[in-house]
Amino acid sequence: MTDPELQRLRDSIDNIDAALIHLLAERFKCTQTVGRLKAEHGLPPADPAREAQQIARLRALAHDAKLDPDFAEKFLNFIVKEVIRHHEALRAEKK
């Protein structure tokens, strides 16, 4: 038998995980559109200046939220790497 408090917490975690997946799906819909625009206009898949701004912004947000900024940066880098991979694929399709 599961402790009611443990079950309540697990249910909340499951809801948060579902929300994260939906947010990531929405984010990737947007970045796919950005990738198509970059491909159409001959822009490079990566934008190091934008990435640096985002890292600084998200590290500050993480700090304010009491989340480890290093973890937030690693998480963002993982997402950005995947976005760039998608943008490179879109660019290759345009050639």
Protein backbone atom coordinates (compact mmCIF):
# COMPACT_ATOMS: atom_id res chain seq x y z
CA MET A 1 0.00 0.00 0.00
CA THR A 2 1.33 3.42 -0.97
CA ASP A 3 1.43 6.26 1.52
CA PRO A 4 -1.22 8.88 0.50
CA GLU A 5 1.29 11.74 0.71
CA LEU A 6 3.77 9.83 -1.45
CA GLN A 7 1.03 9.13 -4.00
CA ARG A 8 -0.07 12.78 -4.00
CA LEU A 9 3.51 13.88 -4.68
CA ARG A 10 3.96 11.27 -7.42
CA ASP A 11 0.72 12.41 -9.05
CA SER A 12 1.99 15.99 -9.03
CA ILE A 13 5.31 14.89 -10.53
CA ASP A 14 3.45 13.00 -13.26
CA ASN A 15 1.40 16.12 -14.05
CA ILE A 16 4.52 18.27 -14.19
CA ASP A 17 6.24 15.75 -16.48
CA ALA A 18 3.24 15.82 -18.82
CA ALA A 19 3.28 19.63 -18.86
CA LEU A 20 7.03 19.63 -19.63
CA ILE A 21 6.51 17.31 -22.59
CA HIS A 22 3.73 19.50 -23.97
CA LEU A 23 5.83 22.64 -23.49
CA LEU A 24 8.80 21.05 -25.22
CA ALA A 25 6.57 19.96 -28.11
CA GLU A 26 5.30 23.54 -28.49
CA ARG A 27 8.83 24.90 -28.28
CA PHE A 28 10.01 22.56 -31.03
CA LYS A 29 7.08 23.57 -33.26
CA CYS A 30 8.32 27.15 -32.98
CA THR A 31 11.96 26.27 -33.54
CA GLN A 32 11.04 24.19 -36.60
CA THR A 33 9.41 27.30 -38.09
CA VAL A 34 12.52 29.32 -37.21
CA GLY A 35 14.64 26.64 -38.91
CA ARG A 36 12.56 26.83 -42.09
CA LEU A 37 12.88 30.62 -42.13
CA LYS A 38 16.63 30.40 -41.62
CA ALA A 39 16.92 27.85 -44.43
CA GLU A 40 14.83 30.02 -46.80
CA HIS A 41 16.97 33.08 -46.08
CA GLY A 42 20.34 31.30 -46.09
CA LEU A 43 20.99 31.96 -42.41
CA PRO A 44 23.22 29.60 -40.42
CA PRO A 45 21.53 26.96 -38.26
CA ALA A 46 23.30 28.16 -35.10
CA ASP A 47 23.26 31.66 -33.62
CA PRO A 48 25.99 31.76 -30.96
CA ALA A 49 25.14 35.33 -29.86
CA ARG A 50 21.48 34.41 -29.30
CA GLU A 51 22.50 31.21 -27.50
CA ALA A 52 24.79 33.17 -25.15
CA GLN A 53 21.98 35.62 -24.37
CA GLN A 54 19.58 32.76 -23.67
CA ILE A 55 22.07 30.99 -21.40
CA ALA A 56 22.64 34.15 -19.37
CA ARG A 57 18.89 34.82 -19.17
CA LEU A 58 18.01 31.26 -18.15
CA ARG A 59 20.83 31.05 -15.62
CA ALA A 60 19.43 34.18 -13.95
CA LEU A 61 15.90 32.75 -14.04
CA ALA A 62 17.16 29.49 -12.55
CA HIS A 63 18.97 31.34 -9.79
CA ASP A 64 15.82 33.32 -8.94
CA ALA A 65 13.77 30.09 -8.97
CA LYS A 66 16.29 28.36 -6.65
CA LEU A 67 17.24 25.92 -9.40
CA ASP A 68 20.89 25.10 -10.01
CA PRO A 69 21.98 27.44 -12.85
CA ASP A 70 24.51 24.86 -14.06
CA PHE A 71 21.71 22.33 -14.46
CA ALA A 72 19.56 24.90 -16.30
CA GLU A 73 22.45 25.64 -18.66
CA LYS A 74 23.06 21.95 -19.35
CA PHE A 75 19.37 21.46 -20.03
CA LEU A 76 19.26 24.43 -22.42
CA ASN A 77 22.43 23.26 -24.19
CA PHE A 78 20.84 19.85 -24.72
CA ILE A 79 17.75 21.46 -26.25
CA VAL A 80 19.75 23.90 -28.39
CA LYS A 81 21.92 21.08 -29.72
CA GLU A 82 18.77 19.26 -30.87
CA VAL A 83 17.33 22.43 -32.39
CA ILE A 84 20.54 23.05 -34.35
CA ARG A 85 20.45 19.46 -35.59
CA HIS A 86 16.92 20.06 -36.87
CA HIS A 87 17.95 23.37 -38.47
CA GLU A 88 20.89 21.69 -40.20
CA ALA A 89 18.55 19.04 -41.60
CA LEU A 90 16.16 21.71 -42.88
CA ARG A 91 19.06 23.59 -44.46
CA ALA A 92 20.25 20.39 -46.18
CA GLU A 93 16.74 19.83 -47.59
CA LYS A 94 16.83 23.31 -49.19
CA LYS A 95 20.04 22.57 -51.10
